[in-house]
Amino acid sequence: MRDRPAGRIGSLDGLRGVAAAVVLVHHSLLTIPSFANGNLHLPVPDSRSWLVYSPVHAFWAGGEAVFVFFVLSGFVLTLPALRRTQDWIAYFPSRFIRLYLPVVASVFLALLLFLAVPRTGAPGQSAWVARHAESLSLGGFLGDLTLLAPTRMNSPLWSLTWEVAFSLLLPLFVSIAALTRRHWWITAIVAALLSTAGHPLRMQWLTYLSMFLVGSAIAAGWERIPAVKRPLGWVLFLASLLGITCAWWIPSDMPGAVFESTVITAAAATLVVLAGKWLPAERVLLGAVPRTLGRMSFSLYLVHEPIAVSVAQLVPTAHPWLTPIITIPVALVVAVFFARFVELPAHRLAKTVSKRVSGTDGGARRGRRVAESVH
């Protein structure tokens, strides 16, 4: 199924939903000591090591799923700006309303759960749950609300810090994508390598913002990327699963292991391309379950982790498997209501603000001038 030039690529919503589900499974399993130990590279029982140190890890590769989010955000925010005139004056307030209103609501939900279910470091808890046993402070609470210094009260908020940074810098990313449109693949490769360089240099901004740039580069070359034929698509899909989990099954002392981050970023980018250019992937991702998950993916991402930690505090440590069994359906239900009563109204408000800001002739002229400078 080919996307229309100015249309929304629905299968990418499905990919976002699958990625959100992977993050949910990831944090749910981290409440189990053996999985938490594996995630922290501590000893794991032989009976479960294959779930950690093999490509099967793809089913709960939460960190890698976040990287897919980063590439996706780079793509979906850059593509419209390249295809039509962008009113940047209207974009900024609209974007921050869409991000911050749900974030603020999720922080207050996390606070309620924090107060209702004290986080204690009880014996027998997983190392991941024990790390959440920290005291509440005004500075930490404000750090969560502003995304300037997120705490473990709702730890997935760390990625929203970089979403906000990318949103602020979007005009720059669009400019880079527009200027390098003919050689978009070079931009993508350079961005992936820069992301890898960020680790040894201890520059998180370089590591994560470069992933967004990979998505922006793909957006610049989207019309030039041909539909992926079925046999090649299966090869690329399997290679992506192997690549996105390579940090878990390739020995760290193996030659070339230093480029694991590059491989992971490339795998995330390939999954995005396959989602929009490979018919079997499009059909699956346009299905009812992926699309439903996609519509509430942001809400699910924001609310699930405090729920997982709270359930882990209530479940007897002798039966840790009960935590994911309870957490997953509860998080999905809460996400449905959160999306309905928080995220959707935030989107509507953002659209209203955008229309009002861009509704004047002056706003339209400013948008055209900025767009002309970008292109």
Protein backbone atom coordinates (compact mmCIF):
# COMPACT_ATOMS: atom_id res chain seq x y z
CA MET A 1 0.00 0.00 0.00
CA ARG A 2 1.60 3.22 -1.18
CA ASP A 3 1.19 6.35 0.93
CA ARG A 4 -0.38 9.38 -0.71
CA PRO A 5 1.99 12.32 -1.11
CA ALA A 6 0.35 14.46 1.57
CA GLY A 7 -1.42 11.74 3.52
CA ARG A 8 -0.80 10.27 6.94
CA ILE A 9 1.06 6.97 6.89
CA GLY A 10 -1.22 4.90 9.08
CA SER A 11 1.10 1.92 9.36
CA LEU A 12 3.57 4.09 11.29
CA ASP A 13 0.92 4.53 13.97
CA GLY A 14 0.83 0.76 14.19
CA LEU A 15 4.60 0.61 14.53
CA ARG A 16 4.42 3.17 17.33
CA GLY A 17 1.82 1.02 19.04
CA VAL A 18 3.96 -2.10 18.80
CA ALA A 19 6.95 -0.19 20.20
CA ALA A 20 4.84 1.05 23.12
CA ALA A 21 3.70 -2.50 23.82
CA VAL A 22 7.33 -3.67 23.85
CA VAL A 23 8.19 -0.98 26.41
CA LEU A 24 5.21 -2.10 28.53
CA VAL A 25 6.37 -5.73 28.45
CA HIS A 26 9.92 -4.58 29.16
CA HIS A 27 9.10 -2.77 32.39
CA SER A 28 6.63 -5.44 33.45
CA LEU A 29 9.29 -8.14 33.16
CA LEU A 30 11.86 -6.02 34.98
CA THR A 31 9.78 -6.52 38.14
CA ILE A 32 10.97 -10.15 38.04
CA PRO A 33 14.45 -10.51 39.61
CA SER A 34 15.99 -12.72 36.92
CA PHE A 35 14.93 -10.39 34.09
CA ALA A 36 16.05 -7.33 36.01
CA ASN A 37 19.43 -8.97 36.58
CA GLY A 38 19.73 -9.72 32.89
CA ASN A 39 18.92 -6.14 31.98
CA LEU A 40 21.64 -4.98 34.38
CA HIS A 41 24.07 -7.59 32.98
CA LEU A 42 24.08 -9.54 36.24
CA PRO A 43 24.00 -13.37 36.42
CA VAL A 44 20.83 -14.96 35.03
CA PRO A 45 19.64 -18.57 35.56
CA ASP A 46 20.52 -20.77 32.58
CA SER A 47 16.85 -21.63 32.10
CA ARG A 48 16.07 -18.00 31.28
CA SER A 49 19.29 -16.77 29.73
CA TRP A 50 17.96 -17.44 26.23
CA LEU A 51 15.24 -14.87 26.87
CA VAL A 52 17.91 -12.27 27.64
CA TYR A 53 20.98 -13.07 25.56
CA SER A 54 19.42 -13.90 22.21
CA PRO A 55 17.38 -12.18 19.48
CA VAL A 56 14.27 -13.22 21.44
CA HIS A 57 15.07 -10.18 23.54
CA ALA A 58 13.32 -8.18 20.78
CA PHE A 59 9.97 -8.92 22.47
CA TRP A 60 10.99 -6.91 25.55
CA ALA A 61 13.75 -4.64 24.22
CA GLY A 62 12.36 -1.50 25.83
CA GLY A 63 15.42 0.69 25.40
CA GLU A 64 15.69 -0.19 21.73
CA ALA A 65 11.95 0.46 21.28
CA VAL A 66 12.54 4.00 22.55
CA PHE A 67 15.17 4.42 19.83
CA VAL A 68 12.48 3.44 17.31
CA PHE A 69 10.34 6.21 18.83
CA PHE A 70 13.17 8.71 18.30
CA VAL A 71 13.62 7.78 14.65
CA LEU A 72 9.85 7.83 14.15
CA SER A 73 9.53 11.28 15.70
CA GLY A 74 12.30 12.60 13.47
CA PHE A 75 10.47 11.20 10.47
CA VAL A 76 6.87 12.18 11.20
CA LEU A 77 7.67 15.73 12.30
CA THR A 78 10.07 16.44 9.45
CA LEU A 79 8.02 14.97 6.58
CA PRO A 80 5.09 17.43 6.75
CA ALA A 81 7.47 20.38 7.06
CA LEU A 82 9.22 19.28 3.86
CA ARG A 83 5.98 18.74 1.95
CA ARG A 84 4.14 21.97 2.70
CA THR A 85 4.57 25.46 4.12
CA GLN A 86 5.19 25.25 7.86
CA ASP A 87 4.02 28.03 10.15
CA TRP A 88 6.67 27.74 12.83
CA ILE A 89 5.07 30.48 14.96
CA ALA A 90 2.00 28.27 15.34
CA TYR A 91 3.96 25.03 15.56
CA PHE A 92 5.82 25.70 18.79
CA PRO A 93 2.89 26.39 21.17
CA SER A 94 0.88 23.60 19.57
CA ARG A 95 3.69 21.08 19.93
CA PHE A 96 4.39 21.91 23.56
CA ILE A 97 0.73 21.73 24.51
CA ARG A 98 0.56 18.25 22.96
CA LEU A 99 3.63 17.14 24.88
CA TYR A 100 3.40 18.87 28.22
CA LEU A 101 -0.29 18.57 29.15
CA PRO A 102 -0.21 14.73 29.07
CA VAL A 103 3.18 14.74 30.80
CA VAL A 104 1.91 16.92 33.64
CA ALA A 105 -1.17 14.70 34.07
CA SER A 106 1.02 11.58 34.11
CA VAL A 107 3.28 13.10 36.77
CA PHE A 108 0.30 13.74 39.05
CA LEU A 109 -0.93 10.18 38.42
CA ALA A 110 2.53 8.88 39.32
CA LEU A 111 2.49 11.05 42.45
CA LEU A 112 -0.85 9.59 43.55
CA LEU A 113 0.47 6.06 43.08
CA PHE A 114 3.70 7.00 44.86
CA LEU A 115 1.75 8.25 47.89
CA ALA A 116 -0.80 5.41 47.85
CA VAL A 117 1.76 2.62 47.51
CA PRO A 118 5.05 3.47 49.29
CA ARG A 119 8.11 2.32 47.41
CA THR A 120 10.17 0.23 49.77
CA GLY A 121 13.29 -1.78 49.12
CA ALA A 122 11.88 -5.03 50.48
CA PRO A 123 14.05 -8.17 50.41
CA GLY A 124 13.38 -10.34 47.38
CA GLN A 125 12.36 -7.50 45.09
CA SER A 126 14.00 -7.18 41.72
CA ALA A 127 16.97 -4.83 41.49
CA TRP A 128 14.95 -2.63 39.12
CA VAL A 129 12.05 -2.22 41.57
CA ALA A 130 14.47 -1.59 44.43
CA ARG A 131 16.03 1.29 42.49
CA HIS A 132 12.68 3.10 42.63
CA ALA A 133 12.75 3.26 46.43
CA GLU A 134 13.68 6.92 46.61
CA SER A 135 12.20 9.76 48.61
CA LEU A 136 9.97 12.44 47.15
CA SER A 137 11.30 15.99 46.94
CA LEU A 138 9.98 19.26 45.58
CA GLY A 139 12.99 19.57 43.28
CA GLY A 140 12.43 16.09 41.89
CA PHE A 141 8.73 16.74 41.41
CA LEU A 142 9.46 19.95 39.49
CA GLY A 143 12.11 18.10 37.50
CA ASP A 144 9.42 15.64 36.39
CA LEU A 145 6.89 18.35 35.55
CA THR A 146 9.35 20.35 33.47
CA LEU A 147 11.21 17.33 32.03
CA LEU A 148 14.46 19.08 32.94
CA ALA A 149 15.53 16.38 35.40
CA PRO A 150 13.06 13.44 35.45
CA THR A 151 13.23 11.15 38.48
CA ARG A 152 12.38 7.47 38.94
CA MET A 153 8.86 8.37 40.06
CA ASN A 154 8.04 7.96 36.35
CA SER A 155 11.37 7.08 34.75
CA PRO A 156 10.23 6.82 31.08
CA LEU A 157 9.98 10.62 31.13
CA TRP A 158 13.73 10.75 30.40
CA SER A 159 12.99 10.21 26.71
CA LEU A 160 10.50 13.10 26.67
CA THR A 161 13.38 15.40 27.60
CA TRP A 162 14.91 14.62 24.22
CA GLU A 163 11.55 14.81 22.44
CA VAL A 164 11.23 18.37 23.74
CA ALA A 165 14.79 19.22 22.71
CA PHE A 166 14.16 17.87 19.21
CA SER A 167 10.88 19.76 19.00
CA LEU A 168 12.71 22.98 19.80
CA LEU A 169 15.34 22.25 17.18
CA LEU A 170 12.97 20.97 14.50
CA PRO A 171 13.53 23.95 12.14
CA LEU A 172 17.25 23.13 12.16
CA PHE A 173 16.62 19.45 11.46
CA VAL A 174 14.22 20.31 8.63
CA SER A 175 16.85 22.64 7.18
CA ILE A 176 19.48 19.90 7.25
CA ALA A 177 17.05 17.43 5.68
CA ALA A 178 16.09 19.90 2.93
CA LEU A 179 19.68 20.84 2.13
CA THR A 180 20.83 17.21 1.94
CA ARG A 181 17.69 15.82 0.28
CA ARG A 182 19.53 14.46 -2.77
CA HIS A 183 22.01 12.61 -0.56
CA TRP A 184 19.68 11.81 2.31
CA TRP A 185 21.24 8.38 2.86
CA ILE A 186 24.62 9.98 3.56
CA THR A 187 22.99 12.17 6.19
CA ALA A 188 21.38 9.09 7.74
CA ILE A 189 24.70 7.20 7.89
CA VAL A 190 26.56 10.17 9.35
CA ALA A 191 23.82 10.67 11.95
CA ALA A 192 23.98 7.00 12.99
CA LEU A 193 27.75 7.24 13.39
CA LEU A 194 27.41 10.45 15.40
CA SER A 195 24.94 8.71 17.67
CA THR A 196 27.52 6.01 18.32
CA ALA A 197 30.23 8.60 18.99
CA GLY A 198 28.07 10.12 21.70
CA HIS A 199 28.63 7.13 24.01
CA PRO A 200 32.43 7.28 24.46
CA LEU A 201 32.27 11.09 24.45
CA ARG A 202 29.56 10.97 27.15
CA MET A 203 27.43 13.39 25.17
CA GLN A 204 23.84 12.24 25.54
CA TRP A 205 22.60 15.04 23.31
CA LEU A 206 24.77 13.72 20.48
CA THR A 207 23.63 10.14 21.04
CA TYR A 208 19.90 10.81 21.09
CA LEU A 209 19.41 13.85 18.88
CA SER A 210 21.36 12.09 16.13
CA MET A 211 18.69 9.36 16.16
CA PHE A 212 16.06 12.00 15.42
CA LEU A 213 18.26 13.23 12.59
CA VAL A 214 18.24 9.73 11.09
CA GLY A 215 14.44 9.98 10.95
CA SER A 216 14.64 13.45 9.40
CA ALA A 217 17.00 12.13 6.71
CA ILE A 218 14.60 9.29 5.89
CA ALA A 219 11.80 11.85 5.54
CA ALA A 220 13.93 13.80 3.05
CA GLY A 221 14.45 10.70 0.94
CA TRP A 222 11.01 9.15 1.40
CA GLU A 223 9.79 9.77 -2.14
CA ARG A 224 13.02 8.28 -3.52
CA ILE A 225 12.80 5.07 -1.48
CA PRO A 226 11.09 2.42 -3.63
CA ALA A 227 8.54 -0.06 -2.36
CA VAL A 228 10.33 -3.02 -0.78
CA LYS A 229 9.73 -6.29 -2.60
CA ARG A 230 8.45 -9.20 -0.54
CA PRO A 231 11.61 -11.44 -0.47
CA LEU A 232 13.94 -8.51 0.30
CA GLY A 233 11.50 -7.28 2.93
CA TRP A 234 11.72 -10.53 4.89
CA VAL A 235 15.52 -10.38 4.78
CA LEU A 236 15.54 -6.79 5.99
CA PHE A 237 12.98 -7.53 8.70
CA LEU A 238 14.96 -10.46 10.11
CA ALA A 239 18.18 -8.45 9.85
CA SER A 240 16.49 -5.62 11.76
CA LEU A 241 15.44 -7.92 14.58
CA LEU A 242 18.98 -9.27 14.81
CA GLY A 243 20.44 -5.78 14.61
CA ILE A 244 18.20 -4.12 17.16
CA THR A 245 19.06 -6.83 19.71
CA CYS A 246 22.76 -7.13 18.82
CA ALA A 247 23.89 -5.67 22.16
CA TRP A 248 22.35 -8.70 23.88
CA TRP A 249 23.79 -11.53 21.84
CA ILE A 250 27.08 -10.21 20.34
CA PRO A 251 30.02 -10.53 22.79
CA SER A 252 31.25 -7.11 23.89
CA ASP A 253 34.86 -8.07 23.17
CA MET A 254 34.08 -9.10 19.59
CA PRO A 255 35.78 -6.98 16.89
CA GLY A 256 33.41 -4.31 15.67
CA ALA A 257 31.25 -4.40 18.81
CA VAL A 258 31.99 -0.71 19.24
CA PHE A 259 29.56 -0.08 16.38
CA GLU A 260 26.64 -1.79 18.14
CA SER A 261 24.86 1.55 18.56
CA THR A 262 25.19 2.25 14.85
CA VAL A 263 23.69 -1.15 14.05
CA ILE A 264 20.82 -0.61 16.50
CA THR A 265 20.04 2.81 15.06
CA ALA A 266 20.20 1.44 11.51
CA ALA A 267 17.87 -1.40 12.52
CA ALA A 268 15.38 1.06 14.02
CA ALA A 269 15.52 3.12 10.82
CA THR A 270 14.98 0.02 8.69
CA LEU A 271 11.90 -0.91 10.72
CA VAL A 272 10.47 2.55 10.04
CA VAL A 273 11.10 2.19 6.29
CA LEU A 274 9.61 -1.31 6.21
CA ALA A 275 6.52 -0.09 8.07
CA GLY A 276 5.75 2.32 5.24
CA LYS A 277 7.28 0.65 2.19
CA TRP A 278 6.80 -3.11 2.64
CA LEU A 279 3.28 -4.40 1.99
CA PRO A 280 3.28 -7.33 4.51
CA ALA A 281 4.40 -4.97 7.31
CA GLU A 282 1.82 -2.36 6.30
CA ARG A 283 -0.98 -4.94 6.36
CA VAL A 284 -0.01 -6.14 9.84
CA LEU A 285 0.51 -2.66 11.27
CA LEU A 286 -2.78 -1.42 9.83
CA GLY A 287 -4.55 -4.17 11.75
CA ALA A 288 -6.97 -3.40 14.56
CA VAL A 289 -4.64 -4.22 17.46
CA PRO A 290 -1.54 -2.28 16.28
CA ARG A 291 -3.63 0.73 15.25
CA THR A 292 -5.49 0.73 18.58
CA LEU A 293 -2.20 0.53 20.45
CA GLY A 294 -0.86 3.28 18.23
CA ARG A 295 -3.72 5.64 19.05
CA MET A 296 -3.00 5.34 22.76
CA SER A 297 0.76 4.70 22.55
CA PHE A 298 1.76 8.03 24.11
CA SER A 299 -0.68 7.55 26.98
CA LEU A 300 0.46 3.97 27.52
CA TYR A 301 4.07 5.09 27.56
CA LEU A 302 3.33 7.79 30.14
CA VAL A 303 1.27 5.78 32.64
CA HIS A 304 2.53 2.19 32.60
CA GLU A 305 5.75 2.36 34.61
CA PRO A 306 4.36 3.76 37.90
CA ILE A 307 1.65 1.12 37.66
CA ALA A 308 4.23 -1.65 37.25
CA VAL A 309 6.24 -0.45 40.26
CA SER A 310 3.13 -0.08 42.41
CA VAL A 311 1.85 -3.55 41.54
CA ALA A 312 5.30 -5.00 42.30
CA GLN A 313 5.13 -3.43 45.77
CA LEU A 314 1.79 -5.13 46.45
CA VAL A 315 2.50 -8.57 45.01
CA PRO A 316 4.26 -11.09 47.29
CA THR A 317 7.93 -11.34 46.34
CA ALA A 318 7.55 -15.12 46.26
CA HIS A 319 5.29 -14.80 43.21
CA PRO A 320 6.92 -12.13 40.99
CA TRP A 321 5.25 -13.45 37.82
CA LEU A 322 1.95 -12.09 39.10
CA THR A 323 3.21 -8.55 38.57
CA PRO A 324 3.33 -8.56 34.74
CA ILE A 325 0.13 -10.59 34.61
CA ILE A 326 -1.64 -7.84 36.56
CA THR A 327 0.31 -4.84 35.25
CA ILE A 328 -0.21 -5.32 31.52
CA PRO A 329 -4.05 -5.34 31.44
CA VAL A 330 -4.32 -2.64 34.15
CA ALA A 331 -1.90 -0.37 32.26
CA LEU A 332 -3.82 -0.87 29.02
CA VAL A 333 -7.13 0.03 30.66
CA VAL A 334 -5.68 3.11 32.38
CA ALA A 335 -4.08 4.16 29.06
CA VAL A 336 -7.46 3.98 27.32
CA PHE A 337 -8.99 6.39 29.83
CA PHE A 338 -5.88 8.59 29.90
CA ALA A 339 -5.97 8.88 26.11
CA ARG A 340 -9.67 9.69 26.14
CA PHE A 341 -9.70 12.27 28.91
CA VAL A 342 -6.17 13.73 28.79
CA GLU A 343 -4.31 13.12 25.54
CA LEU A 344 -7.21 13.68 23.13
CA PRO A 345 -8.30 16.97 24.76
CA ALA A 346 -4.66 18.09 24.70
CA HIS A 347 -4.52 17.38 20.96
CA ARG A 348 -7.72 19.32 20.39
CA LEU A 349 -6.44 22.27 22.38
CA ALA A 350 -3.15 22.17 20.47
CA LYS A 351 -5.00 22.27 17.15
CA THR A 352 -7.17 25.14 18.34
CA VAL A 353 -4.15 27.14 19.44
CA SER A 354 -2.36 26.40 16.19
CA LYS A 355 -5.33 27.58 14.12
CA ARG A 356 -5.70 30.76 16.13
CA VAL A 357 -2.02 31.61 15.94
CA SER A 358 -1.75 30.88 12.21
CA GLY A 359 -5.17 32.29 11.34
CA THR A 360 -3.93 35.85 10.75
CA ASP A 361 -2.40 37.02 7.50
CA GLY A 362 0.64 38.08 9.46
CA GLY A 363 1.05 34.58 10.86
CA ALA A 364 0.73 33.05 7.42
CA ARG A 365 3.29 35.45 5.98
CA ARG A 366 5.71 34.68 8.80
CA GLY A 367 5.23 30.96 8.13
CA ARG A 368 5.94 31.40 4.44
CA ARG A 369 9.10 33.42 5.11
CA VAL A 370 10.43 30.80 7.51
CA ALA A 371 9.54 27.98 5.15
CA GLU A 372 11.30 29.73 2.28
CA SER A 373 14.42 30.09 4.40
CA VAL A 374 14.27 26.37 5.21
CA HIS A 375 13.81 25.18 1.63
